PDB file of N, CA and C in Angstrom:
ATOM      1  N   MET A   1      15.776  11.581 -18.385  1.00  0.00           N
ATOM      2  CA  MET A   1      16.089  10.474 -17.508  1.00  0.00           C
ATOM      3  C   MET A   1      17.113   9.593 -18.210  1.00  0.00           C
ATOM      4  N   THR A   2      18.086   9.211 -17.465  1.00  0.00           N
ATOM      5  CA  THR A   2      19.118   8.368 -18.068  1.00  0.00           C
ATOM      6  C   THR A   2      18.632   6.932 -18.149  1.00  0.00           C
ATOM      7  N   ARG A   3      19.296   6.173 -18.985  1.00  0.00           N
ATOM      8  CA  ARG A   3      18.921   4.775 -19.169  1.00  0.00           C
ATOM      9  C   ARG A   3      19.097   3.975 -17.889  1.00  0.00           C
ATOM     10  N   ARG A   4      20.008   4.360 -17.042  1.00  0.00           N
ATOM     11  CA  ARG A   4      20.285   3.591 -15.830  1.00  0.00           C
ATOM     12  C   ARG A   4      19.229   3.804 -14.751  1.00  0.00           C
ATOM     13  N   ARG A   5      18.420   4.841 -14.856  1.00  0.00           N
ATOM     14  CA  ARG A   5      17.480   5.147 -13.772  1.00  0.00           C
ATOM     15  C   ARG A   5      16.030   4.761 -14.064  1.00  0.00           C
ATOM     16  N   TRP A   6      15.730   4.290 -15.231  1.00  0.00           N
ATOM     17  CA  TRP A   6      14.345   3.959 -15.552  1.00  0.00           C
ATOM     18  C   TRP A   6      13.786   2.897 -14.618  1.00  0.00           C
ATOM     19  N   TRP A   7      14.619   1.992 -14.157  1.00  0.00           N
ATOM     20  CA  TRP A   7      14.167   0.907 -13.285  1.00  0.00           C
ATOM     21  C   TRP A   7      13.662   1.428 -11.947  1.00  0.00           C
ATOM     22  N   LEU A   8      14.040   2.654 -11.573  1.00  0.00           N
ATOM     23  CA  LEU A   8      13.550   3.231 -10.324  1.00  0.00           C
ATOM     24  C   LEU A   8      12.037   3.473 -10.370  1.00  0.00           C
ATOM     25  N   LEU A   9      11.499   3.611 -11.567  1.00  0.00           N
ATOM     26  CA  LEU A   9      10.067   3.831 -11.711  1.00  0.00           C
ATOM     27  C   LEU A   9       9.242   2.552 -11.637  1.00  0.00           C
ATOM     28  N   LEU A  10       9.856   1.402 -11.749  1.00  0.00           N
ATOM     29  CA  LEU A  10       9.096   0.156 -11.787  1.00  0.00           C
ATOM     30  C   LEU A  10       8.215  -0.066 -10.555  1.00  0.00           C
ATOM     31  N   PRO A  11       8.704   0.110  -9.333  1.00  0.00           N
ATOM     32  CA  PRO A  11       7.808  -0.091  -8.190  1.00  0.00           C
ATOM     33  C   PRO A  11       6.626   0.881  -8.197  1.00  0.00           C
ATOM     34  N   TRP A  12       6.864   2.122  -8.592  1.00  0.00           N
ATOM     35  CA  TRP A  12       5.788   3.112  -8.652  1.00  0.00           C
ATOM     36  C   TRP A  12       4.761   2.727  -9.704  1.00  0.00           C
ATOM     37  N   LEU A  13       5.214   2.311 -10.892  1.00  0.00           N
ATOM     38  CA  LEU A  13       4.303   1.900 -11.953  1.00  0.00           C
ATOM     39  C   LEU A  13       3.487   0.678 -11.540  1.00  0.00           C
ATOM     40  N   ALA A  14       4.108  -0.272 -10.861  1.00  0.00           N
ATOM     41  CA  ALA A  14       3.389  -1.460 -10.401  1.00  0.00           C
ATOM     42  C   ALA A  14       2.315  -1.079  -9.382  1.00  0.00           C
ATOM     43  N   ALA A  15       2.646  -0.180  -8.473  1.00  0.00           N
ATOM     44  CA  ALA A  15       1.670   0.258  -7.473  1.00  0.00           C
ATOM     45  C   ALA A  15       0.520   0.998  -8.122  1.00  0.00           C
ATOM     46  N   MET A  16       0.802   1.821  -9.111  1.00  0.00           N
ATOM     47  CA  MET A  16      -0.253   2.565  -9.797  1.00  0.00           C
ATOM     48  C   MET A  16      -1.206   1.630 -10.535  1.00  0.00           C
ATOM     49  N   SER A  17      -0.673   0.595 -11.149  1.00  0.00           N
ATOM     50  CA  SER A  17      -1.544  -0.319 -11.883  1.00  0.00           C
ATOM     51  C   SER A  17      -2.446  -1.096 -10.935  1.00  0.00           C
ATOM     52  N   GLN A  18      -1.984  -1.403  -9.733  1.00  0.00           N
ATOM     53  CA  GLN A  18      -2.801  -2.117  -8.760  1.00  0.00           C
ATOM     54  C   GLN A  18      -3.789  -1.191  -8.075  1.00  0.00           C
ATOM     55  N   ALA A  19      -3.524   0.086  -8.032  1.00  0.00           N
ATOM     56  CA  ALA A  19      -4.390   1.033  -7.339  1.00  0.00           C
ATOM     57  C   ALA A  19      -5.619   1.413  -8.164  1.00  0.00           C
ATOM     58  N   GLN A  20      -5.647   1.076  -9.434  1.00  0.00           N
ATOM     59  CA  GLN A  20      -6.785   1.425 -10.277  1.00  0.00           C
ATOM     60  C   GLN A  20      -8.026   0.680  -9.796  1.00  0.00           C
ATOM     61  N   PRO A  21      -9.151   1.381  -9.620  1.00  0.00           N
ATOM     62  CA  PRO A  21     -10.361   0.688  -9.182  1.00  0.00           C
ATOM     63  C   PRO A  21     -10.862  -0.270 -10.246  1.00  0.00           C
ATOM     64  N   LEU A  22     -11.417  -1.350  -9.786  1.00  0.00           N
ATOM     65  CA  LEU A  22     -11.985  -2.329 -10.707  1.00  0.00           C
ATOM     66  C   LEU A  22     -13.286  -1.800 -11.274  1.00  0.00           C
ATOM     67  N   PRO A  23     -13.626  -2.189 -12.486  1.00  0.00           N
ATOM     68  CA  PRO A  23     -14.898  -1.747 -13.059  1.00  0.00           C
ATOM     69  C   PRO A  23     -16.094  -2.115 -12.180  1.00  0.00           C
ATOM     70  N   VAL A  24     -16.074  -3.279 -11.542  1.00  0.00           N
ATOM     71  CA  VAL A  24     -17.184  -3.683 -10.675  1.00  0.00           C
ATOM     72  C   VAL A  24     -17.295  -2.713  -9.501  1.00  0.00           C
ATOM     73  N   GLN A  25     -16.186  -2.350  -8.927  1.00  0.00           N
ATOM     74  CA  GLN A  25     -16.211  -1.407  -7.802  1.00  0.00           C
ATOM     75  C   GLN A  25     -16.789  -0.069  -8.226  1.00  0.00           C
ATOM     76  N   GLN A  26     -16.393   0.403  -9.387  1.00  0.00           N
ATOM     77  CA  GLN A  26     -16.923   1.671  -9.899  1.00  0.00           C
ATOM     78  C   GLN A  26     -18.415   1.574 -10.163  1.00  0.00           C
ATOM     79  N   GLU A  27     -18.819   0.487 -10.777  1.00  0.00           N
ATOM     80  CA  GLU A  27     -20.218   0.314 -11.130  1.00  0.00           C
ATOM     81  C   GLU A  27     -21.095   0.192  -9.884  1.00  0.00           C
ATOM     82  N   VAL A  28     -20.652  -0.595  -8.908  1.00  0.00           N
ATOM     83  CA  VAL A  28     -21.410  -0.723  -7.661  1.00  0.00           C
ATOM     84  C   VAL A  28     -21.474   0.625  -6.953  1.00  0.00           C
ATOM     85  N   GLY A  29     -20.384   1.361  -6.950  1.00  0.00           N
ATOM     86  CA  GLY A  29     -20.387   2.696  -6.346  1.00  0.00           C
ATOM     87  C   GLY A  29     -21.398   3.616  -7.008  1.00  0.00           C
ATOM     88  N   ARG A  30     -21.453   3.585  -8.319  1.00  0.00           N
ATOM     89  CA  ARG A  30     -22.431   4.410  -9.047  1.00  0.00           C
ATOM     90  C   ARG A  30     -23.857   3.942  -8.776  1.00  0.00           C
ATOM     91  N   LEU A  31     -24.046   2.632  -8.693  1.00  0.00           N
ATOM     92  CA  LEU A  31     -25.366   2.081  -8.413  1.00  0.00           C
ATOM     93  C   LEU A  31     -25.826   2.473  -7.004  1.00  0.00           C
ATOM     94  N   LEU A  32     -24.931   2.427  -6.036  1.00  0.00           N
ATOM     95  CA  LEU A  32     -25.282   2.826  -4.677  1.00  0.00           C
ATOM     96  C   LEU A  32     -25.570   4.324  -4.593  1.00  0.00           C
ATOM     97  N   ALA A  33     -24.887   5.113  -5.390  1.00  0.00           N
ATOM     98  CA  ALA A  33     -25.189   6.548  -5.450  1.00  0.00           C
ATOM     99  C   ALA A  33     -26.590   6.760  -6.023  1.00  0.00           C
ATOM    100  N   GLU A  34     -26.964   5.947  -7.006  1.00  0.00           N
ATOM    101  CA  GLU A  34     -28.326   6.004  -7.560  1.00  0.00           C
ATOM    102  C   GLU A  34     -29.360   5.674  -6.489  1.00  0.00           C
ATOM    103  N   VAL A  35     -29.079   4.654  -5.695  1.00  0.00           N
ATOM    104  CA  VAL A  35     -29.990   4.280  -4.606  1.00  0.00           C
ATOM    105  C   VAL A  35     -30.153   5.456  -3.658  1.00  0.00           C
ATOM    106  N   ALA A  36     -29.040   6.027  -3.208  1.00  0.00           N
ATOM    107  CA  ALA A  36     -29.075   7.109  -2.227  1.00  0.00           C
ATOM    108  C   ALA A  36     -29.821   8.335  -2.738  1.00  0.00           C
ATOM    109  N   ALA A  37     -29.717   8.609  -4.029  1.00  0.00           N
ATOM    110  CA  ALA A  37     -30.338   9.805  -4.600  1.00  0.00           C
ATOM    111  C   ALA A  37     -31.742   9.556  -5.152  1.00  0.00           C
ATOM    112  N   SER A  38     -32.242   8.349  -5.030  1.00  0.00           N
ATOM    113  CA  SER A  38     -33.480   7.965  -5.712  1.00  0.00           C
ATOM    114  C   SER A  38     -34.752   8.582  -5.136  1.00  0.00           C
ATOM    115  N   GLY A  39     -34.767   8.864  -3.844  1.00  0.00           N
ATOM    116  CA  GLY A  39     -35.997   9.333  -3.214  1.00  0.00           C
ATOM    117  C   GLY A  39     -37.002   8.216  -2.984  1.00  0.00           C
ATOM    118  N   CYS A  40     -36.589   6.987  -3.222  1.00  0.00           N
ATOM    119  CA  CYS A  40     -37.465   5.822  -3.041  1.00  0.00           C
ATOM    120  C   CYS A  40     -37.317   5.282  -1.621  1.00  0.00           C
ATOM    121  N   GLU A  41     -38.207   4.392  -1.267  1.00  0.00           N
ATOM    122  CA  GLU A  41     -38.126   3.686   0.002  1.00  0.00           C
ATOM    123  C   GLU A  41     -37.826   2.221  -0.282  1.00  0.00           C
ATOM    124  N   PHE A  42     -37.077   1.603   0.623  1.00  0.00           N
ATOM    125  CA  PHE A  42     -36.628   0.232   0.445  1.00  0.00           C
ATOM    126  C   PHE A  42     -37.096  -0.603   1.631  1.00  0.00           C
ATOM    127  N   TYR A  43     -37.731  -1.731   1.307  1.00  0.00           N
ATOM    128  CA  TYR A  43     -38.283  -2.617   2.318  1.00  0.00           C
ATOM    129  C   TYR A  43     -37.316  -3.750   2.595  1.00  0.00           C
ATOM    130  N   ARG A  44     -37.022  -3.944   3.872  1.00  0.00           N
ATOM    131  CA  ARG A  44     -36.212  -5.088   4.272  1.00  0.00           C
ATOM    132  C   ARG A  44     -36.577  -5.469   5.703  1.00  0.00           C
ATOM    133  N   ASN A  45     -36.685  -6.745   5.932  1.00  0.00           N
ATOM    134  CA  ASN A  45     -36.938  -7.314   7.258  1.00  0.00           C
ATOM    135  C   ASN A  45     -38.075  -6.630   8.010  1.00  0.00           C
ATOM    136  N   GLY A  46     -39.178  -6.414   7.329  1.00  0.00           N
ATOM    137  CA  GLY A  46     -40.380  -5.927   7.991  1.00  0.00           C
ATOM    138  C   GLY A  46     -40.531  -4.430   8.098  1.00  0.00           C
ATOM    139  N   GLY A  47     -39.630  -3.653   7.524  1.00  0.00           N
ATOM    140  CA  GLY A  47     -39.745  -2.199   7.617  1.00  0.00           C
ATOM    141  C   GLY A  47     -39.286  -1.491   6.360  1.00  0.00           C
ATOM    142  N   TRP A  48     -39.811  -0.277   6.177  1.00  0.00           N
ATOM    143  CA  TRP A  48     -39.426   0.573   5.051  1.00  0.00           C
ATOM    144  C   TRP A  48     -38.346   1.542   5.510  1.00  0.00           C
ATOM    145  N   TYR A  49     -37.321   1.713   4.686  1.00  0.00           N
ATOM    146  CA  TYR A  49     -36.191   2.590   4.998  1.00  0.00           C
ATOM    147  C   TYR A  49     -36.011   3.594   3.869  1.00  0.00           C
ATOM    148  N   ASP A  50     -35.527   4.786   4.236  1.00  0.00           N
ATOM    149  CA  ASP A  50     -35.296   5.787   3.193  1.00  0.00           C
ATOM    150  C   ASP A  50     -34.091   5.392   2.338  1.00  0.00           C
ATOM    151  N   ALA A  51     -33.920   6.106   1.256  1.00  0.00           N
ATOM    152  CA  ALA A  51     -32.889   5.781   0.273  1.00  0.00           C
ATOM    153  C   ALA A  51     -31.479   5.842   0.862  1.00  0.00           C
ATOM    154  N   ALA A  52     -31.209   6.814   1.714  1.00  0.00           N
ATOM    155  CA  ALA A  52     -29.874   6.934   2.301  1.00  0.00           C
ATOM    156  C   ALA A  52     -29.560   5.732   3.186  1.00  0.00           C
ATOM    157  N   ALA A  53     -30.529   5.318   4.001  1.00  0.00           N
ATOM    158  CA  ALA A  53     -30.328   4.148   4.871  1.00  0.00           C
ATOM    159  C   ALA A  53     -30.147   2.882   4.037  1.00  0.00           C
ATOM    160  N   ALA A  54     -30.908   2.766   2.964  1.00  0.00           N
ATOM    161  CA  ALA A  54     -30.781   1.600   2.087  1.00  0.00           C
ATOM    162  C   ALA A  54     -29.398   1.559   1.449  1.00  0.00           C
ATOM    163  N   ALA A  55     -28.923   2.691   0.986  1.00  0.00           N
ATOM    164  CA  ALA A  55     -27.598   2.740   0.361  1.00  0.00           C
ATOM    165  C   ALA A  55     -26.512   2.364   1.357  1.00  0.00           C
ATOM    166  N   ARG A  56     -26.629   2.847   2.588  1.00  0.00           N
ATOM    167  CA  ARG A  56     -25.638   2.485   3.623  1.00  0.00           C
ATOM    168  C   ARG A  56     -25.659   0.980   3.881  1.00  0.00           C
ATOM    169  N   HIS A  57     -26.855   0.420   4.008  1.00  0.00           N
ATOM    170  CA  HIS A  57     -26.992  -1.007   4.275  1.00  0.00           C
ATOM    171  C   HIS A  57     -26.390  -1.831   3.129  1.00  0.00           C
ATOM    172  N   LEU A  58     -26.712  -1.470   1.905  1.00  0.00           N
ATOM    173  CA  LEU A  58     -26.181  -2.202   0.761  1.00  0.00           C
ATOM    174  C   LEU A  58     -24.673  -2.036   0.624  1.00  0.00           C
ATOM    175  N   ARG A  59     -24.173  -0.857   0.965  1.00  0.00           N
ATOM    176  CA  ARG A  59     -22.717  -0.638   0.923  1.00  0.00           C
ATOM    177  C   ARG A  59     -22.019  -1.539   1.945  1.00  0.00           C
ATOM    178  N   ASP A  60     -22.605  -1.658   3.130  1.00  0.00           N
ATOM    179  CA  ASP A  60     -22.033  -2.553   4.150  1.00  0.00           C
ATOM    180  C   ASP A  60     -22.015  -3.997   3.661  1.00  0.00           C
ATOM    181  N   LYS A  61     -23.108  -4.426   3.035  1.00  0.00           N
ATOM    182  CA  LYS A  61     -23.168  -5.794   2.524  1.00  0.00           C
ATOM    183  C   LYS A  61     -22.153  -6.002   1.399  1.00  0.00           C
ATOM    184  N   TYR A  62     -21.990  -4.997   0.548  1.00  0.00           N
ATOM    185  CA  TYR A  62     -21.011  -5.085  -0.534  1.00  0.00           C
ATOM    186  C   TYR A  62     -19.596  -5.211   0.038  1.00  0.00           C
ATOM    187  N   GLN A  63     -19.272  -4.379   1.014  1.00  0.00           N
ATOM    188  CA  GLN A  63     -17.936  -4.432   1.606  1.00  0.00           C
ATOM    189  C   GLN A  63     -17.676  -5.776   2.286  1.00  0.00           C
ATOM    190  N   TYR A  64     -18.704  -6.329   2.913  1.00  0.00           N
ATOM    191  CA  TYR A  64     -18.571  -7.641   3.525  1.00  0.00           C
ATOM    192  C   TYR A  64     -18.250  -8.696   2.465  1.00  0.00           C
ATOM    193  N   LEU A  65     -19.000  -8.683   1.379  1.00  0.00           N
ATOM    194  CA  LEU A  65     -18.747  -9.653   0.307  1.00  0.00           C
ATOM    195  C   LEU A  65     -17.361  -9.474  -0.298  1.00  0.00           C
ATOM    196  N   GLN A  66     -16.976  -8.245  -0.535  1.00  0.00           N
ATOM    197  CA  GLN A  66     -15.666  -7.959  -1.138  1.00  0.00           C
ATOM    198  C   GLN A  66     -14.532  -8.444  -0.241  1.00  0.00           C
ATOM    199  N   ALA A  67     -14.713  -8.345   1.064  1.00  0.00           N
ATOM    200  CA  ALA A  67     -13.670  -8.784   1.989  1.00  0.00           C
ATOM    201  C   ALA A  67     -13.510 -10.310   1.945  1.00  0.00           C
ATOM    202  N   ARG A  68     -14.599 -11.004   1.662  1.00  0.00           N
ATOM    203  CA  ARG A  68     -14.556 -12.461   1.592  1.00  0.00           C
ATOM    204  C   ARG A  68     -13.980 -12.935   0.268  1.00  0.00           C
ATOM    205  N   ARG A  69     -14.478 -12.379  -0.820  1.00  0.00           N
ATOM    206  CA  ARG A  69     -13.962 -12.689  -2.155  1.00  0.00           C
ATOM    207  C   ARG A  69     -14.492 -11.635  -3.127  1.00  0.00           C
ATOM    208  N   PRO A  70     -13.625 -11.052  -3.908  1.00  0.00           N
ATOM    209  CA  PRO A  70     -14.066 -10.017  -4.845  1.00  0.00           C
ATOM    210  C   PRO A  70     -15.103 -10.552  -5.834  1.00  0.00           C
ATOM    211  N   LEU A  71     -16.081  -9.728  -6.114  1.00  0.00           N
ATOM    212  CA  LEU A  71     -17.140 -10.098  -7.042  1.00  0.00           C
ATOM    213  C   LEU A  71     -16.685  -9.843  -8.473  1.00  0.00           C
ATOM    214  N   ALA A  72     -17.068 -10.737  -9.359  1.00  0.00           N
ATOM    215  CA  ALA A  72     -16.655 -10.622 -10.754  1.00  0.00           C
ATOM    216  C   ALA A  72     -17.546  -9.687 -11.554  1.00  0.00           C
ATOM    217  N   ARG A  73     -18.823  -9.558 -11.129  1.00  0.00           N
ATOM    218  CA  ARG A  73     -19.777  -8.752 -11.877  1.00  0.00           C
ATOM    219  C   ARG A  73     -20.674  -7.984 -10.920  1.00  0.00           C
ATOM    220  N   THR A  74     -21.167  -6.859 -11.370  1.00  0.00           N
ATOM    221  CA  THR A  74     -22.108  -6.083 -10.564  1.00  0.00           C
ATOM    222  C   THR A  74     -23.389  -6.876 -10.348  1.00  0.00           C
ATOM    223  N   GLU A  75     -23.772  -7.661 -11.325  1.00  0.00           N
ATOM    224  CA  GLU A  75     -24.949  -8.524 -11.176  1.00  0.00           C
ATOM    225  C   GLU A  75     -24.782  -9.493 -10.006  1.00  0.00           C
ATOM    226  N   ASP A  76     -23.553  -9.930  -9.737  1.00  0.00           N
ATOM    227  CA  ASP A  76     -23.305 -10.804  -8.583  1.00  0.00           C
ATOM    228  C   ASP A  76     -23.632 -10.076  -7.280  1.00  0.00           C
ATOM    229  N   PHE A  77     -23.271  -8.815  -7.209  1.00  0.00           N
ATOM    230  CA  PHE A  77     -23.621  -8.009  -6.029  1.00  0.00           C
ATOM    231  C   PHE A  77     -25.136  -7.935  -5.867  1.00  0.00           C
ATOM    232  N   ILE A  78     -25.841  -7.666  -6.965  1.00  0.00           N
ATOM    233  CA  ILE A  78     -27.299  -7.559  -6.898  1.00  0.00           C
ATOM    234  C   ILE A  78     -27.903  -8.880  -6.435  1.00  0.00           C
ATOM    235  N   GLU A  79     -27.454  -9.989  -7.004  1.00  0.00           N
ATOM    236  CA  GLU A  79     -28.006 -11.298  -6.669  1.00  0.00           C
ATOM    237  C   GLU A  79     -27.644 -11.736  -5.246  1.00  0.00           C
ATOM    238  N   GLN A  80     -26.407 -11.518  -4.849  1.00  0.00           N
ATOM    239  CA  GLN A  80     -25.928 -12.053  -3.574  1.00  0.00           C
ATOM    240  C   GLN A  80     -26.189 -11.154  -2.380  1.00  0.00           C
ATOM    241  N   ALA A  81     -26.325  -9.859  -2.604  1.00  0.00           N
ATOM    242  CA  ALA A  81     -26.434  -8.945  -1.464  1.00  0.00           C
ATOM    243  C   ALA A  81     -27.624  -8.008  -1.505  1.00  0.00           C
ATOM    244  N   ALA A  82     -28.044  -7.597  -2.678  1.00  0.00           N
ATOM    245  CA  ALA A  82     -29.007  -6.503  -2.773  1.00  0.00           C
ATOM    246  C   ALA A  82     -30.424  -6.943  -3.125  1.00  0.00           C
ATOM    247  N   SER A  83     -30.664  -8.243  -3.221  1.00  0.00           N
ATOM    248  CA  SER A  83     -31.988  -8.721  -3.603  1.00  0.00           C
ATOM    249  C   SER A  83     -32.812  -9.262  -2.446  1.00  0.00           C
ATOM    250  N   ARG A  84     -32.114  -9.742  -1.413  1.00  0.00           N
ATOM    251  CA  ARG A  84     -32.837 -10.334  -0.286  1.00  0.00           C
ATOM    252  C   ARG A  84     -32.003 -10.249   0.977  1.00  0.00           C
ATOM    253  N   SER A  85     -32.692 -10.402   2.078  1.00  0.00           N
ATOM    254  CA  SER A  85     -32.056 -10.361   3.379  1.00  0.00           C
ATOM    255  C   SER A  85     -31.207 -11.611   3.609  1.00  0.00           C
ATOM    256  N   SER A  86     -29.994 -11.430   4.036  1.00  0.00           N
ATOM    257  CA  SER A  86     -29.145 -12.557   4.406  1.00  0.00           C
ATOM    258  C   SER A  86     -29.647 -13.194   5.698  1.00  0.00           C
ATOM    259  N   PHE A  87     -30.339 -12.406   6.468  1.00  0.00           N
ATOM    260  CA  PHE A  87     -30.835 -12.854   7.768  1.00  0.00           C
ATOM    261  C   PHE A  87     -32.121 -13.670   7.628  1.00  0.00           C
ATOM    262  N   SER A  88     -33.121 -13.116   6.955  1.00  0.00           N
ATOM    263  CA  SER A  88     -34.434 -13.764   6.880  1.00  0.00           C
ATOM    264  C   SER A  88     -34.700 -14.448   5.546  1.00  0.00           C
ATOM    265  N   GLY A  89     -33.958 -14.095   4.508  1.00  0.00           N
ATOM    266  CA  GLY A  89     -34.202 -14.627   3.180  1.00  0.00           C
ATOM    267  C   GLY A  89     -35.324 -13.911   2.435  1.00  0.00           C
ATOM    268  N   THR A  90     -35.951 -12.935   3.090  1.00  0.00           N
ATOM    269  CA  THR A  90     -37.051 -12.186   2.490  1.00  0.00           C
ATOM    270  C   THR A  90     -36.522 -11.241   1.415  1.00  0.00           C
ATOM    271  N   ALA A  91     -37.232 -11.196   0.290  1.00  0.00           N
ATOM    272  CA  ALA A  91     -36.830 -10.321  -0.812  1.00  0.00           C
ATOM    273  C   ALA A  91     -36.987  -8.858  -0.413  1.00  0.00           C
ATOM    274  N   TYR A  92     -36.037  -8.040  -0.835  1.00  0.00           N
ATOM    275  CA  TYR A  92     -36.131  -6.596  -0.661  1.00  0.00           C
ATOM    276  C   TYR A  92     -37.091  -6.049  -1.708  1.00  0.00           C
ATOM    277  N   ARG A  93     -37.772  -4.960  -1.359  1.00  0.00           N
ATOM    278  CA  ARG A  93     -38.718  -4.313  -2.272  1.00  0.00           C
ATOM    279  C   ARG A  93     -38.394  -2.830  -2.334  1.00  0.00           C
ATOM    280  N   VAL A  94     -38.820  -2.192  -3.414  1.00  0.00           N
ATOM    281  CA  VAL A  94     -38.584  -0.764  -3.617  1.00  0.00           C
ATOM    282  C   VAL A  94     -39.901  -0.113  -4.023  1.00  0.00           C
ATOM    283  N   ARG A  95     -40.216   1.019  -3.366  1.00  0.00           N
ATOM    284  CA  ARG A  95     -41.373   1.806  -3.809  1.00  0.00           C
ATOM    285  C   ARG A  95     -40.924   3.249  -3.998  1.00  0.00           C
ATOM    286  N   CYS A  96     -41.210   3.724  -5.172  1.00  0.00           N
ATOM    287  CA  CYS A  96     -40.855   5.089  -5.544  1.00  0.00           C
ATOM    288  C   CYS A  96     -42.148   5.872  -5.753  1.00  0.00           C
ATOM    289  N   PRO A  97     -42.135   7.171  -5.470  1.00  0.00           N
ATOM    290  CA  PRO A  97     -43.347   7.979  -5.638  1.00  0.00           C
ATOM    291  C   PRO A  97     -43.932   7.845  -7.043  1.00  0.00           C
ATOM    292  N   GLY A  98     -45.229   7.556  -7.098  1.00  0.00           N
ATOM    293  CA  GLY A  98     -45.925   7.480  -8.374  1.00  0.00           C
ATOM    294  C   GLY A  98     -45.664   6.225  -9.183  1.00  0.00           C
ATOM    295  N   GLN A  99     -44.996   5.234  -8.589  1.00  0.00           N
ATOM    296  CA  GLN A  99     -44.685   4.003  -9.313  1.00  0.00           C
ATOM    297  C   GLN A  99     -45.114   2.794  -8.487  1.00  0.00           C
ATOM    298  N   ALA A 100     -45.283   1.679  -9.155  1.00  0.00           N
ATOM    299  CA  ALA A 100     -45.625   0.436  -8.473  1.00  0.00           C
ATOM    300  C   ALA A 100     -44.427  -0.064  -7.668  1.00  0.00           C
ATOM    301  N   THR A 101     -44.701  -0.765  -6.586  1.00  0.00           N
ATOM    302  CA  THR A 101     -43.652  -1.399  -5.795  1.00  0.00           C
ATOM    303  C   THR A 101     -43.093  -2.579  -6.588  1.00  0.00           C
ATOM    304  N   VAL A 102     -41.759  -2.684  -6.621  1.00  0.00           N
ATOM    305  CA  VAL A 102     -41.090  -3.754  -7.365  1.00  0.00           C
ATOM    306  C   VAL A 102     -40.016  -4.379  -6.478  1.00  0.00           C
ATOM    307  N   SER A 103     -39.511  -5.523  -6.911  1.00  0.00           N
ATOM    308  CA  SER A 103     -38.402  -6.146  -6.178  1.00  0.00           C
ATOM    309  C   SER A 103     -37.152  -5.284  -6.339  1.00  0.00           C
ATOM    310  N   SER A 104     -36.303  -5.307  -5.335  1.00  0.00           N
ATOM    311  CA  SER A 104     -35.057  -4.538  -5.459  1.00  0.00           C
ATOM    312  C   SER A 104     -34.201  -5.088  -6.589  1.00  0.00           C
ATOM    313  N   ARG A 105     -34.271  -6.389  -6.817  1.00  0.00           N
ATOM    314  CA  ARG A 105     -33.521  -6.992  -7.927  1.00  0.00           C
ATOM    315  C   ARG A 105     -33.934  -6.354  -9.250  1.00  0.00           C
ATOM    316  N   GLN A 106     -35.233  -6.288  -9.481  1.00  0.00           N
ATOM    317  CA  GLN A 106     -35.749  -5.695 -10.721  1.00  0.00           C
ATOM    318  C   GLN A 106     -35.347  -4.230 -10.821  1.00  0.00           C
ATOM    319  N   TRP A 107     -35.494  -3.483  -9.747  1.00  0.00           N
ATOM    320  CA  TRP A 107     -35.190  -2.057  -9.731  1.00  0.00           C
ATOM    321  C   TRP A 107     -33.699  -1.827  -9.991  1.00  0.00           C
ATOM    322  N   LEU A 108     -32.845  -2.592  -9.302  1.00  0.00           N
ATOM    323  CA  LEU A 108     -31.394  -2.411  -9.439  1.00  0.00           C
ATOM    324  C   LEU A 108     -30.903  -2.830 -10.824  1.00  0.00           C
ATOM    325  N   LEU A 109     -31.436  -3.913 -11.363  1.00  0.00           N
ATOM    326  CA  LEU A 109     -31.023  -4.320 -12.707  1.00  0.00           C
ATOM    327  C   LEU A 109     -31.427  -3.282 -13.750  1.00  0.00           C
ATOM    328  N   ALA A 110     -32.591  -2.668 -13.570  1.00  0.00           N
ATOM    329  CA  ALA A 110     -33.012  -1.606 -14.494  1.00  0.00           C
ATOM    330  C   ALA A 110     -32.094  -0.398 -14.381  1.00  0.00           C
ATOM    331  N   ARG A 111     -31.740  -0.026 -13.149  1.00  0.00           N
ATOM    332  CA  ARG A 111     -30.811   1.102 -12.957  1.00  0.00           C
ATOM    333  C   ARG A 111     -29.436   0.790 -13.531  1.00  0.00           C
ATOM    334  N   LEU A 112     -28.992  -0.436 -13.351  1.00  0.00           N
ATOM    335  CA  LEU A 112     -27.697  -0.837 -13.885  1.00  0.00           C
ATOM    336  C   LEU A 112     -27.691  -0.750 -15.409  1.00  0.00           C
ATOM    337  N   ALA A 113     -28.760  -1.219 -16.023  1.00  0.00           N
ATOM    338  CA  ALA A 113     -28.857  -1.134 -17.490  1.00  0.00           C
ATOM    339  C   ALA A 113     -28.813   0.329 -17.937  1.00  0.00           C
ATOM    340  N   ARG A 114     -29.476   1.201 -17.199  1.00  0.00           N
ATOM    341  CA  ARG A 114     -29.459   2.625 -17.554  1.00  0.00           C
ATOM    342  C   ARG A 114     -28.067   3.221 -17.367  1.00  0.00           C
ATOM    343  N   LEU A 115     -27.374   2.830 -16.298  1.00  0.00           N
ATOM    344  CA  LEU A 115     -25.999   3.316 -16.079  1.00  0.00           C
ATOM    345  C   LEU A 115     -25.068   2.867 -17.202  1.00  0.00           C
ATOM    346  N   ARG A 116     -25.307   1.698 -17.705  1.00  0.00           N
ATOM    347  CA  ARG A 116     -24.480   1.167 -18.783  1.00  0.00           C
ATOM    348  C   ARG A 116     -24.867   1.705 -20.147  1.00  0.00           C
ATOM    349  N   GLY A 117     -25.920   2.509 -20.160  1.00  0.00           N
ATOM    350  CA  GLY A 117     -26.342   3.101 -21.411  1.00  0.00           C
ATOM    351  C   GLY A 117     -27.326   2.262 -22.191  1.00  0.00           C
ATOM    352  N   GLY A 118     -27.927   1.284 -21.504  1.00  0.00           N
ATOM    353  CA  GLY A 118     -28.865   0.382 -22.191  1.00  0.00           C
ATOM    354  C   GLY A 118     -30.293   0.827 -22.112  1.00  0.00           C
TER     355      GLY A 118
END
């Protein structure tokens, strides 16, 4: 490449740097995949839902929050969207086969710590 043409790559390089997913987006995506594959049931607004339905619901809430203002941390997603109903304020719960029922906040924070290698 000649010296005169290197500037032609600048718009492409700028677009590539902006197209990189944010760590929070990656982490939330991995966390939602954990939810979907968990085999657990998730309680919200008076009913128990399977893991796939819970993951879809949480993904919708995440996308809603992201459209309003990007979240700085995955913990913000857990606190603002995945711990309680925006409609009723009731805490979400998780029950997995052979385990005690726990709050979704507790369950998600434990999964997040495991994803991070903690």
